[in-house]
N, C-alpha and C. Protein backbone atom coordinates (compact mmCIF):
# COMPACT_ATOMS: atom_id res chain seq x y z
N ALA A 1 65.69 46.28 77.15
CA ALA A 1 64.92 47.02 78.15
C ALA A 1 65.42 46.74 79.57
N VAL A 2 65.75 45.47 79.83
CA VAL A 2 66.27 45.10 81.16
C VAL A 2 67.60 45.80 81.41
N LEU A 3 68.47 45.79 80.40
CA LEU A 3 69.77 46.44 80.54
C LEU A 3 69.61 47.95 80.77
N ALA A 4 68.68 48.56 80.04
CA ALA A 4 68.42 49.99 80.22
C ALA A 4 67.92 50.28 81.63
N ALA A 5 67.04 49.40 82.14
CA ALA A 5 66.52 49.59 83.49
C ALA A 5 67.63 49.48 84.53
N VAL A 6 68.55 48.53 84.33
CA VAL A 6 69.68 48.37 85.26
C VAL A 6 70.54 49.63 85.28
N ILE A 7 70.83 50.15 84.08
CA ILE A 7 71.65 51.36 83.98
C ILE A 7 70.95 52.56 84.64
N MET A 8 69.66 52.69 84.38
CA MET A 8 68.90 53.81 84.94
C MET A 8 68.87 53.75 86.47
N MET A 9 68.69 52.56 87.01
CA MET A 9 68.66 52.42 88.46
C MET A 9 70.03 52.75 89.07
N ALA A 10 71.08 52.35 88.37
CA ALA A 10 72.42 52.65 88.87
C ALA A 10 72.70 54.15 88.84
N VAL A 11 72.25 54.81 87.78
CA VAL A 11 72.48 56.25 87.65
C VAL A 11 71.65 57.04 88.65
N ILE A 12 70.39 56.63 88.84
CA ILE A 12 69.52 57.31 89.80
C ILE A 12 70.14 57.29 91.20
N GLY A 13 70.82 56.20 91.52
CA GLY A 13 71.45 56.11 92.83
C GLY A 13 72.61 57.08 93.00
N LEU A 14 73.15 57.55 91.88
CA LEU A 14 74.26 58.50 91.94
C LEU A 14 73.78 59.94 92.12
N VAL A 15 72.52 60.18 91.85
CA VAL A 15 71.96 61.54 91.97
C VAL A 15 71.53 61.76 93.42
N ASN A 16 72.18 62.74 94.05
CA ASN A 16 71.91 63.00 95.47
C ASN A 16 71.55 64.48 95.64
N PHE A 17 70.26 64.77 95.50
CA PHE A 17 69.81 66.15 95.63
C PHE A 17 69.96 66.67 97.05
N LYS A 18 69.92 65.77 98.02
CA LYS A 18 70.09 66.19 99.41
C LYS A 18 71.48 66.77 99.63
N ALA A 19 72.48 66.15 98.99
CA ALA A 19 73.85 66.64 99.12
C ALA A 19 73.99 68.02 98.48
N ILE A 20 73.33 68.23 97.34
CA ILE A 20 73.36 69.54 96.69
C ILE A 20 72.71 70.59 97.58
N GLY A 21 71.57 70.23 98.18
CA GLY A 21 70.90 71.16 99.08
C GLY A 21 71.75 71.49 100.29
N HIS A 22 72.44 70.48 100.82
CA HIS A 22 73.33 70.70 101.97
C HIS A 22 74.46 71.65 101.59
N ALA A 23 75.03 71.43 100.39
CA ALA A 23 76.12 72.30 99.92
C ALA A 23 75.63 73.73 99.77
N TRP A 24 74.41 73.91 99.27
CA TRP A 24 73.86 75.24 99.07
C TRP A 24 73.66 75.96 100.40
N HIS A 25 73.14 75.24 101.40
CA HIS A 25 72.92 75.87 102.70
C HIS A 25 74.22 76.13 103.44
N THR A 26 75.23 75.30 103.18
CA THR A 26 76.53 75.50 103.82
C THR A 26 77.19 76.76 103.30
N HIS A 27 77.26 76.88 101.98
CA HIS A 27 77.79 78.09 101.35
C HIS A 27 77.25 78.15 99.93
N LYS A 28 76.78 79.32 99.54
CA LYS A 28 76.16 79.46 98.22
C LYS A 28 77.12 79.08 97.10
N HIS A 29 78.40 79.37 97.27
CA HIS A 29 79.38 79.02 96.24
C HIS A 29 79.48 77.51 96.04
N ASP A 30 79.43 76.76 97.14
CA ASP A 30 79.47 75.30 97.05
C ASP A 30 78.22 74.78 96.33
N GLY A 31 77.08 75.40 96.64
CA GLY A 31 75.85 75.00 95.97
C GLY A 31 75.89 75.28 94.48
N ILE A 32 76.42 76.44 94.10
CA ILE A 32 76.53 76.79 92.68
C ILE A 32 77.43 75.80 91.96
N ALA A 33 78.57 75.48 92.57
CA ALA A 33 79.49 74.53 91.95
C ALA A 33 78.83 73.16 91.79
N SER A 34 78.05 72.73 92.77
CA SER A 34 77.37 71.43 92.69
C SER A 34 76.34 71.41 91.57
N ILE A 35 75.55 72.47 91.46
CA ILE A 35 74.50 72.54 90.43
C ILE A 35 75.12 72.59 89.04
N VAL A 36 76.16 73.41 88.87
CA VAL A 36 76.81 73.52 87.56
C VAL A 36 77.46 72.19 87.17
N THR A 37 78.06 71.52 88.13
CA THR A 37 78.67 70.21 87.84
C THR A 37 77.62 69.21 87.40
N PHE A 38 76.48 69.21 88.09
CA PHE A 38 75.40 68.29 87.74
C PHE A 38 74.88 68.55 86.33
N ILE A 39 74.63 69.81 86.01
CA ILE A 39 74.12 70.16 84.68
C ILE A 39 75.16 69.88 83.60
N ALA A 40 76.41 70.24 83.86
CA ALA A 40 77.47 70.03 82.87
C ALA A 40 77.70 68.55 82.60
N THR A 41 77.60 67.74 83.65
CA THR A 41 77.78 66.28 83.47
C THR A 41 76.69 65.71 82.58
N LEU A 42 75.45 66.16 82.76
CA LEU A 42 74.36 65.72 81.90
C LEU A 42 74.54 66.22 80.47
N ALA A 43 74.99 67.47 80.34
CA ALA A 43 75.12 68.07 79.01
C ALA A 43 76.22 67.41 78.20
N PHE A 44 77.30 67.00 78.86
CA PHE A 44 78.45 66.43 78.15
C PHE A 44 78.42 64.90 78.10
N ALA A 45 77.37 64.29 78.62
CA ALA A 45 77.28 62.83 78.59
C ALA A 45 77.37 62.35 77.14
N PRO A 46 78.10 61.25 76.88
CA PRO A 46 78.72 60.34 77.85
C PRO A 46 80.12 60.75 78.30
N HIS A 47 80.57 61.95 77.92
CA HIS A 47 81.90 62.40 78.34
C HIS A 47 81.79 63.06 79.73
N LEU A 48 81.64 62.22 80.72
CA LEU A 48 81.41 62.72 82.07
C LEU A 48 82.59 63.50 82.62
N ASP A 49 83.79 63.16 82.17
CA ASP A 49 84.97 63.84 82.69
C ASP A 49 84.96 65.33 82.37
N SER A 50 84.37 65.71 81.23
CA SER A 50 84.30 67.13 80.87
C SER A 50 83.43 67.91 81.85
N GLY A 51 82.29 67.34 82.21
CA GLY A 51 81.43 67.99 83.19
C GLY A 51 82.09 68.11 84.53
N ILE A 52 82.79 67.05 84.93
CA ILE A 52 83.47 67.07 86.23
C ILE A 52 84.58 68.11 86.24
N MET A 53 85.32 68.23 85.13
CA MET A 53 86.40 69.22 85.05
C MET A 53 85.84 70.65 85.12
N ILE A 54 84.70 70.87 84.46
CA ILE A 54 84.08 72.20 84.53
C ILE A 54 83.69 72.52 85.97
N GLY A 55 83.08 71.57 86.66
CA GLY A 55 82.70 71.79 88.05
C GLY A 55 83.89 72.04 88.95
N ALA A 56 84.97 71.27 88.74
CA ALA A 56 86.17 71.44 89.56
C ALA A 56 86.81 72.81 89.30
N GLY A 57 86.85 73.20 88.02
CA GLY A 57 87.41 74.51 87.68
C GLY A 57 86.60 75.65 88.29
N LEU A 58 85.27 75.52 88.24
CA LEU A 58 84.41 76.54 88.83
C LEU A 58 84.60 76.62 90.34
N ALA A 59 84.74 75.46 90.99
CA ALA A 59 84.95 75.44 92.44
C ALA A 59 86.24 76.17 92.81
N ILE A 60 87.30 75.99 92.01
CA ILE A 60 88.57 76.67 92.28
C ILE A 60 88.41 78.17 92.11
N VAL A 61 87.73 78.58 91.02
CA VAL A 61 87.52 80.01 90.77
C VAL A 61 86.72 80.66 91.90
N LEU A 62 85.66 79.98 92.34
CA LEU A 62 84.83 80.52 93.41
C LEU A 62 85.59 80.58 94.73
N TYR A 63 86.47 79.60 94.96
CA TYR A 63 87.29 79.63 96.17
C TYR A 63 88.23 80.83 96.17
N LEU A 64 88.89 81.06 95.03
CA LEU A 64 89.78 82.21 94.93
C LEU A 64 89.01 83.51 95.12
N TYR A 65 87.83 83.59 94.53
CA TYR A 65 87.02 84.79 94.67
C TYR A 65 86.62 85.01 96.13
N ARG A 66 86.26 83.92 96.80
CA ARG A 66 85.81 84.02 98.19
C ARG A 66 86.95 84.43 99.11
N THR A 67 88.16 83.96 98.83
CA THR A 67 89.29 84.26 99.72
C THR A 67 90.03 85.53 99.33
N MET A 68 89.61 86.19 98.26
CA MET A 68 90.25 87.45 97.87
C MET A 68 89.93 88.56 98.86
N LYS A 69 88.78 88.46 99.52
CA LYS A 69 88.39 89.48 100.49
C LYS A 69 87.94 88.81 101.79
N PRO A 70 88.90 88.31 102.56
CA PRO A 70 88.54 87.69 103.85
C PRO A 70 88.04 88.74 104.83
N ARG A 71 87.49 88.28 105.91
CA ARG A 71 86.92 89.20 106.91
C ARG A 71 88.03 89.91 107.67
N VAL A 72 87.91 91.22 107.73
CA VAL A 72 88.83 92.05 108.50
C VAL A 72 88.00 92.88 109.48
N ALA A 73 88.34 92.84 110.74
CA ALA A 73 87.55 93.53 111.76
C ALA A 73 88.42 94.50 112.56
N ILE A 74 87.93 95.71 112.72
CA ILE A 74 88.54 96.66 113.65
C ILE A 74 88.01 96.32 115.04
N LEU A 75 88.90 96.23 116.01
CA LEU A 75 88.54 95.71 117.32
C LEU A 75 88.47 96.80 118.38
N GLY A 76 87.59 96.57 119.32
CA GLY A 76 87.48 97.42 120.51
C GLY A 76 87.28 96.54 121.72
N ARG A 77 87.45 97.14 122.90
CA ARG A 77 87.33 96.37 124.14
C ARG A 77 85.86 96.19 124.52
N HIS A 78 85.43 94.93 124.58
CA HIS A 78 84.06 94.60 124.96
C HIS A 78 83.94 94.64 126.48
N PRO A 79 82.74 94.87 127.02
CA PRO A 79 82.58 94.87 128.49
C PRO A 79 83.04 93.59 129.16
N ASP A 80 83.05 92.46 128.45
CA ASP A 80 83.50 91.21 129.06
C ASP A 80 85.03 91.09 129.06
N GLY A 81 85.72 92.10 128.55
CA GLY A 81 87.18 92.11 128.58
C GLY A 81 87.86 91.64 127.33
N THR A 82 87.12 91.09 126.37
CA THR A 82 87.72 90.61 125.14
C THR A 82 87.70 91.70 124.06
N LEU A 83 88.52 91.50 123.04
CA LEU A 83 88.51 92.39 121.89
C LEU A 83 87.53 91.84 120.86
N ARG A 84 86.61 92.70 120.40
CA ARG A 84 85.60 92.25 119.45
C ARG A 84 85.40 93.29 118.36
N ASP A 85 84.71 92.86 117.32
CA ASP A 85 84.43 93.72 116.18
C ASP A 85 83.60 94.93 116.63
N VAL A 86 84.12 96.12 116.35
CA VAL A 86 83.43 97.34 116.81
C VAL A 86 82.11 97.54 116.09
N LYS A 87 82.02 97.09 114.83
CA LYS A 87 80.78 97.28 114.07
C LYS A 87 79.69 96.33 114.55
N VAL A 88 80.05 95.12 114.84
CA VAL A 88 79.07 94.13 115.28
C VAL A 88 78.54 94.46 116.67
N HIS A 89 79.44 94.91 117.57
CA HIS A 89 79.05 95.12 118.96
C HIS A 89 78.94 96.60 119.33
N ASN A 90 79.06 97.47 118.33
CA ASN A 90 78.90 98.92 118.55
C ASN A 90 79.81 99.41 119.66
N LEU A 91 81.11 99.17 119.50
CA LEU A 91 82.09 99.53 120.52
C LEU A 91 82.88 100.76 120.09
N PRO A 92 83.37 101.54 121.05
CA PRO A 92 84.22 102.69 120.71
C PRO A 92 85.61 102.22 120.31
N VAL A 93 86.32 103.06 119.56
CA VAL A 93 87.68 102.73 119.14
C VAL A 93 88.66 103.67 119.82
N SER A 94 89.89 103.23 119.92
CA SER A 94 90.93 104.04 120.54
C SER A 94 91.47 105.04 119.53
N GLU A 95 91.88 106.21 120.01
CA GLU A 95 92.49 107.21 119.15
C GLU A 95 93.98 106.98 119.00
N ASN A 96 94.56 106.21 119.90
CA ASN A 96 96.02 106.01 119.91
C ASN A 96 96.45 104.68 119.31
N ILE A 97 95.58 103.68 119.41
CA ILE A 97 95.94 102.33 118.97
C ILE A 97 94.87 101.78 118.04
N ILE A 98 95.29 101.29 116.89
CA ILE A 98 94.38 100.60 115.98
C ILE A 98 94.58 99.11 116.18
N ALA A 99 93.53 98.41 116.52
CA ALA A 99 93.59 96.95 116.65
C ALA A 99 92.69 96.34 115.58
N MET A 100 93.27 95.47 114.77
CA MET A 100 92.49 94.85 113.71
C MET A 100 92.80 93.36 113.63
N ARG A 101 91.78 92.59 113.29
CA ARG A 101 91.93 91.14 113.16
C ARG A 101 91.72 90.74 111.71
N TYR A 102 92.65 89.92 111.21
CA TYR A 102 92.57 89.45 109.82
C TYR A 102 92.26 87.96 109.84
N ASP A 103 91.12 87.59 109.27
CA ASP A 103 90.67 86.19 109.30
C ASP A 103 90.83 85.55 107.93
N GLY A 104 91.96 84.94 107.69
CA GLY A 104 92.17 84.26 106.41
C GLY A 104 93.65 84.11 106.11
N SER A 105 93.95 83.18 105.22
CA SER A 105 95.33 83.01 104.78
C SER A 105 95.75 84.24 103.99
N LEU A 106 97.02 84.57 104.06
CA LEU A 106 97.54 85.73 103.35
C LEU A 106 98.38 85.23 102.18
N TYR A 107 97.81 85.32 100.98
CA TYR A 107 98.50 84.80 99.80
C TYR A 107 98.25 85.72 98.61
N PHE A 108 98.81 85.35 97.45
CA PHE A 108 98.87 86.26 96.31
C PHE A 108 97.53 86.87 95.92
N ALA A 109 96.42 86.14 96.13
CA ALA A 109 95.11 86.62 95.67
C ALA A 109 94.54 87.73 96.54
N ASN A 110 94.96 87.80 97.81
CA ASN A 110 94.33 88.80 98.68
C ASN A 110 95.30 89.79 99.32
N VAL A 111 96.58 89.77 98.91
CA VAL A 111 97.52 90.73 99.51
C VAL A 111 97.14 92.18 99.20
N PRO A 112 96.60 92.52 97.99
CA PRO A 112 96.19 93.92 97.79
C PRO A 112 95.07 94.32 98.76
N TYR A 113 94.15 93.41 99.02
CA TYR A 113 93.05 93.71 99.94
C TYR A 113 93.58 93.92 101.36
N PHE A 114 94.52 93.08 101.77
CA PHE A 114 95.13 93.23 103.10
C PHE A 114 95.79 94.59 103.24
N GLU A 115 96.60 94.95 102.26
CA GLU A 115 97.30 96.24 102.32
C GLU A 115 96.31 97.41 102.32
N ASP A 116 95.29 97.32 101.48
CA ASP A 116 94.30 98.40 101.40
C ASP A 116 93.56 98.58 102.72
N THR A 117 93.19 97.46 103.36
CA THR A 117 92.44 97.57 104.62
C THR A 117 93.31 98.14 105.73
N VAL A 118 94.59 97.78 105.74
CA VAL A 118 95.50 98.33 106.75
C VAL A 118 95.66 99.84 106.56
N LEU A 119 95.92 100.24 105.32
CA LEU A 119 96.12 101.67 105.05
C LEU A 119 94.83 102.47 105.27
N GLU A 120 93.68 101.86 104.96
CA GLU A 120 92.42 102.53 105.20
C GLU A 120 92.18 102.73 106.69
N ALA A 121 92.49 101.71 107.49
CA ALA A 121 92.33 101.83 108.94
C ALA A 121 93.22 102.92 109.51
N VAL A 122 94.44 103.04 108.98
CA VAL A 122 95.36 104.08 109.44
C VAL A 122 94.87 105.46 109.03
N SER A 123 94.39 105.57 107.79
CA SER A 123 93.91 106.88 107.32
C SER A 123 92.66 107.32 108.07
N ASN A 124 91.85 106.37 108.53
CA ASN A 124 90.65 106.71 109.29
C ASN A 124 90.95 107.12 110.73
N ASN A 125 92.17 106.84 111.17
CA ASN A 125 92.58 107.20 112.53
C ASN A 125 93.97 107.83 112.48
N PRO A 126 94.07 109.06 111.98
CA PRO A 126 95.38 109.69 111.75
C PRO A 126 96.18 109.95 113.02
N ASN A 127 95.54 109.94 114.19
CA ASN A 127 96.26 110.20 115.44
C ASN A 127 96.89 108.94 116.03
N ALA A 128 96.61 107.79 115.46
CA ALA A 128 97.12 106.53 116.01
C ALA A 128 98.63 106.43 115.83
N LYS A 129 99.28 105.93 116.86
CA LYS A 129 100.73 105.73 116.83
C LYS A 129 101.11 104.25 116.82
N HIS A 130 100.11 103.37 117.01
CA HIS A 130 100.38 101.94 117.05
C HIS A 130 99.30 101.20 116.24
N LEU A 131 99.72 100.17 115.57
CA LEU A 131 98.80 99.28 114.86
C LEU A 131 99.04 97.86 115.34
N LEU A 132 98.01 97.28 115.94
CA LEU A 132 98.06 95.88 116.38
C LEU A 132 97.30 95.02 115.38
N ILE A 133 97.99 94.06 114.79
CA ILE A 133 97.36 93.11 113.88
C ILE A 133 97.21 91.78 114.61
N VAL A 134 95.98 91.42 114.93
CA VAL A 134 95.70 90.14 115.57
C VAL A 134 95.67 89.08 114.48
N ALA A 135 96.69 88.24 114.46
CA ALA A 135 96.93 87.35 113.32
C ALA A 135 96.61 85.90 113.62
N ASP A 136 95.75 85.64 114.59
CA ASP A 136 95.40 84.24 114.91
C ASP A 136 94.78 83.53 113.71
N GLY A 137 94.09 84.27 112.86
CA GLY A 137 93.39 83.65 111.74
C GLY A 137 94.24 83.42 110.52
N ILE A 138 95.49 83.87 110.51
CA ILE A 138 96.36 83.66 109.36
C ILE A 138 97.00 82.29 109.48
N ASN A 139 96.53 81.36 108.65
CA ASN A 139 97.04 79.98 108.71
C ASN A 139 98.18 79.72 107.74
N GLN A 140 98.20 80.45 106.62
CA GLN A 140 99.23 80.24 105.61
C GLN A 140 99.74 81.58 105.13
N LEU A 141 101.00 81.60 104.73
CA LEU A 141 101.63 82.82 104.23
C LEU A 141 102.55 82.44 103.08
N ASP A 142 102.32 83.04 101.89
CA ASP A 142 103.20 82.75 100.77
C ASP A 142 104.15 83.92 100.55
N ALA A 143 104.90 83.89 99.44
CA ALA A 143 105.91 84.92 99.18
C ALA A 143 105.28 86.30 99.04
N SER A 144 104.12 86.36 98.40
CA SER A 144 103.44 87.65 98.24
C SER A 144 102.97 88.20 99.59
N GLY A 145 102.46 87.31 100.44
CA GLY A 145 102.03 87.72 101.77
C GLY A 145 103.19 88.23 102.61
N ASP A 146 104.31 87.53 102.54
CA ASP A 146 105.50 87.96 103.27
C ASP A 146 105.96 89.33 102.78
N GLU A 147 105.92 89.51 101.46
CA GLU A 147 106.38 90.79 100.90
C GLU A 147 105.49 91.95 101.33
N VAL A 148 104.18 91.73 101.35
CA VAL A 148 103.28 92.83 101.72
C VAL A 148 103.41 93.17 103.20
N ILE A 149 103.65 92.18 104.07
CA ILE A 149 103.88 92.47 105.48
C ILE A 149 105.14 93.30 105.64
N HIS A 150 106.20 92.92 104.94
CA HIS A 150 107.46 93.67 104.98
C HIS A 150 107.23 95.11 104.53
N HIS A 151 106.49 95.28 103.45
CA HIS A 151 106.24 96.61 102.90
C HIS A 151 105.39 97.46 103.84
N VAL A 152 104.33 96.87 104.40
CA VAL A 152 103.45 97.60 105.30
C VAL A 152 104.19 98.05 106.55
N VAL A 153 104.98 97.16 107.14
CA VAL A 153 105.73 97.49 108.36
C VAL A 153 106.68 98.65 108.10
N GLU A 154 107.42 98.58 107.00
CA GLU A 154 108.39 99.64 106.70
C GLU A 154 107.69 100.96 106.38
N ARG A 155 106.60 100.88 105.63
CA ARG A 155 105.89 102.10 105.24
C ARG A 155 105.29 102.81 106.45
N LEU A 156 104.64 102.05 107.33
CA LEU A 156 104.03 102.66 108.50
C LEU A 156 105.09 103.13 109.49
N ARG A 157 106.17 102.40 109.58
CA ARG A 157 107.25 102.80 110.50
C ARG A 157 107.84 104.14 110.05
N SER A 158 107.97 104.32 108.76
CA SER A 158 108.49 105.60 108.24
C SER A 158 107.53 106.75 108.52
N SER A 159 106.25 106.41 108.75
CA SER A 159 105.25 107.43 109.07
C SER A 159 105.08 107.60 110.58
N GLY A 160 105.92 106.92 111.36
CA GLY A 160 105.87 107.06 112.81
C GLY A 160 104.87 106.15 113.49
N ILE A 161 104.45 105.09 112.82
CA ILE A 161 103.48 104.15 113.40
C ILE A 161 104.17 102.81 113.67
N ARG A 162 104.06 102.35 114.88
CA ARG A 162 104.64 101.05 115.25
C ARG A 162 103.63 99.95 114.95
N VAL A 163 104.08 98.92 114.25
CA VAL A 163 103.23 97.78 113.90
C VAL A 163 103.62 96.59 114.76
N VAL A 164 102.64 96.04 115.48
CA VAL A 164 102.89 94.86 116.31
C VAL A 164 101.93 93.76 115.90
N PHE A 165 102.34 92.53 116.12
CA PHE A 165 101.55 91.36 115.75
C PHE A 165 101.31 90.50 116.99
N SER A 166 100.15 89.85 117.01
CA SER A 166 99.88 88.89 118.09
C SER A 166 99.29 87.62 117.49
N GLY A 167 99.60 86.48 118.12
CA GLY A 167 99.00 85.21 117.73
C GLY A 167 99.51 84.63 116.44
N LEU A 168 100.70 85.00 116.00
CA LEU A 168 101.24 84.43 114.76
C LEU A 168 101.50 82.94 114.95
N LYS A 169 101.02 82.13 114.02
CA LYS A 169 101.21 80.69 114.10
C LYS A 169 102.61 80.30 113.64
N LYS A 170 103.03 79.09 114.02
CA LYS A 170 104.40 78.65 113.74
C LYS A 170 104.70 78.64 112.24
N GLN A 171 103.74 78.14 111.44
CA GLN A 171 104.00 78.07 110.01
C GLN A 171 104.17 79.45 109.40
N VAL A 172 103.57 80.45 110.02
CA VAL A 172 103.71 81.83 109.54
C VAL A 172 105.04 82.42 110.00
N THR A 173 105.38 82.22 111.27
CA THR A 173 106.65 82.75 111.78
C THR A 173 107.84 82.08 111.12
N ASP A 174 107.68 80.81 110.72
CA ASP A 174 108.77 80.13 110.01
C ASP A 174 109.07 80.82 108.69
N VAL A 175 108.02 81.22 107.97
CA VAL A 175 108.21 81.93 106.70
C VAL A 175 108.85 83.29 106.95
N LEU A 176 108.33 84.01 107.94
CA LEU A 176 108.87 85.33 108.25
C LEU A 176 110.34 85.26 108.66
N ALA A 177 110.70 84.21 109.41
CA ALA A 177 112.08 84.05 109.84
C ALA A 177 112.99 83.70 108.67
N ALA A 178 112.49 82.84 107.76
CA ALA A 178 113.30 82.40 106.63
C ALA A 178 113.60 83.53 105.66
N THR A 179 112.69 84.48 105.52
CA THR A 179 112.87 85.57 104.56
C THR A 179 113.50 86.82 105.18
N GLY A 180 113.64 86.84 106.50
CA GLY A 180 114.20 88.00 107.16
C GLY A 180 113.17 89.04 107.55
N THR A 181 111.91 88.80 107.23
CA THR A 181 110.87 89.77 107.57
C THR A 181 110.65 89.86 109.07
N ARG A 182 110.88 88.77 109.77
CA ARG A 182 110.71 88.81 111.23
C ARG A 182 111.71 89.77 111.86
N GLU A 183 112.93 89.85 111.30
CA GLU A 183 113.89 90.81 111.80
C GLU A 183 113.43 92.23 111.52
N THR A 184 112.80 92.43 110.36
CA THR A 184 112.26 93.75 110.03
C THR A 184 111.16 94.15 111.00
N ILE A 185 110.30 93.19 111.31
CA ILE A 185 109.23 93.47 112.28
C ILE A 185 109.82 93.74 113.66
N GLY A 186 110.80 92.92 114.07
CA GLY A 186 111.42 93.05 115.38
C GLY A 186 110.79 92.13 116.39
N ALA A 187 111.61 91.40 117.11
CA ALA A 187 111.10 90.45 118.11
C ALA A 187 110.27 91.15 119.18
N GLU A 188 110.58 92.43 119.44
CA GLU A 188 109.85 93.19 120.45
C GLU A 188 108.44 93.56 120.00
N ASN A 189 108.13 93.30 118.74
CA ASN A 189 106.81 93.63 118.19
C ASN A 189 105.97 92.40 117.89
N VAL A 190 106.37 91.24 118.39
CA VAL A 190 105.63 90.00 118.19
C VAL A 190 105.24 89.44 119.55
N PHE A 191 103.93 89.19 119.74
CA PHE A 191 103.42 88.76 121.04
C PHE A 191 102.53 87.53 120.89
N LEU A 192 102.39 86.80 121.98
CA LEU A 192 101.59 85.57 121.96
C LEU A 192 100.12 85.86 121.78
N ASP A 193 99.61 86.91 122.43
CA ASP A 193 98.19 87.26 122.29
C ASP A 193 98.03 88.76 122.34
N GLU A 194 96.81 89.21 122.04
CA GLU A 194 96.55 90.64 121.93
C GLU A 194 96.68 91.37 123.26
N ASN A 195 96.37 90.72 124.37
CA ASN A 195 96.47 91.38 125.67
C ASN A 195 97.92 91.66 126.05
N GLN A 196 98.82 90.73 125.73
CA GLN A 196 100.23 90.97 125.97
C GLN A 196 100.73 92.12 125.11
N ALA A 197 100.25 92.15 123.86
CA ALA A 197 100.67 93.22 122.95
C ALA A 197 100.22 94.58 123.47
N LEU A 198 98.96 94.67 123.89
CA LEU A 198 98.44 95.95 124.38
C LEU A 198 99.14 96.38 125.67
N ALA A 199 99.46 95.41 126.52
CA ALA A 199 100.13 95.74 127.78
C ALA A 199 101.53 96.29 127.53
N ALA A 200 102.13 95.91 126.40
CA ALA A 200 103.49 96.34 126.09
C ALA A 200 103.54 97.70 125.41
N LEU A 201 102.40 98.20 124.95
CA LEU A 201 102.38 99.47 124.25
C LEU A 201 102.34 100.62 125.26
N PRO A 202 103.19 101.62 125.10
CA PRO A 202 103.24 102.71 126.09
C PRO A 202 101.98 103.54 126.17
N LEU A 203 101.17 103.56 125.08
CA LEU A 203 99.94 104.34 125.09
C LEU A 203 98.72 103.52 125.47
N ALA A 204 98.94 102.26 125.85
CA ALA A 204 97.80 101.39 126.12
C ALA A 204 96.96 101.90 127.29
N ARG A 205 97.61 102.45 128.31
CA ARG A 205 96.87 102.93 129.47
C ARG A 205 96.07 104.19 129.15
N GLU A 206 96.51 104.93 128.11
CA GLU A 206 95.76 106.10 127.71
C GLU A 206 94.58 105.72 126.83
N ALA A 207 94.71 104.55 126.17
CA ALA A 207 93.65 104.10 125.26
C ALA A 207 92.62 103.31 126.03
N HIS A 208 91.74 104.01 126.74
CA HIS A 208 90.82 103.35 127.66
C HIS A 208 89.92 102.35 126.96
N THR A 209 89.66 102.54 125.67
CA THR A 209 88.78 101.63 124.96
C THR A 209 89.44 100.29 124.70
N LEU A 210 90.76 100.21 124.87
CA LEU A 210 91.46 98.95 124.67
C LEU A 210 92.10 98.44 125.95
N GLU A 211 92.05 99.23 126.99
CA GLU A 211 92.67 98.84 128.25
C GLU A 211 91.96 97.64 128.85
N PRO A 212 92.69 96.57 129.23
CA PRO A 212 92.05 95.40 129.83
C PRO A 212 91.31 95.75 131.12
């Protein structure tokens, strides 16, 4: 009985419902993974490793699902001078320039979504001659991401649309340079920030909704 009590007290100390609640409030997927891991560990006892593996596998699946459709925002000029999401702030869009921000790493799981959102934005604005991709949020780029950027640039260029990028991080430009995609994009189409990019576009002054 004493040994059982010692074991029970040790196990009770490992159960942290506060941490599960924190995970749930932080992100529902984290909370689901925590709850499933807890239940699976109890169900597979004394083989605790099986429960932990199930929880880890579920966390990976939920992460992939969550990053398959990162946030993409069409941007317009806010009264304070910054570019912001037109849907959130009810801003007008330019007829000549499409400005969009992609928030997330660009890798094999979400390249179809990236391509679809770009083509959808172009189809919704058939008069646009320029596409600005604000890429500050792209932290990582794999082979699939590099390939889709190459494909999108060439496809839109053949349709008479110039694609420019702003805010590309070093780890992203290193990949683009190594594969030759940066040459396809063109150094004249890569800018430090969105304002420099818009200032360089010949139609920027006509696009009053994006004019600084």
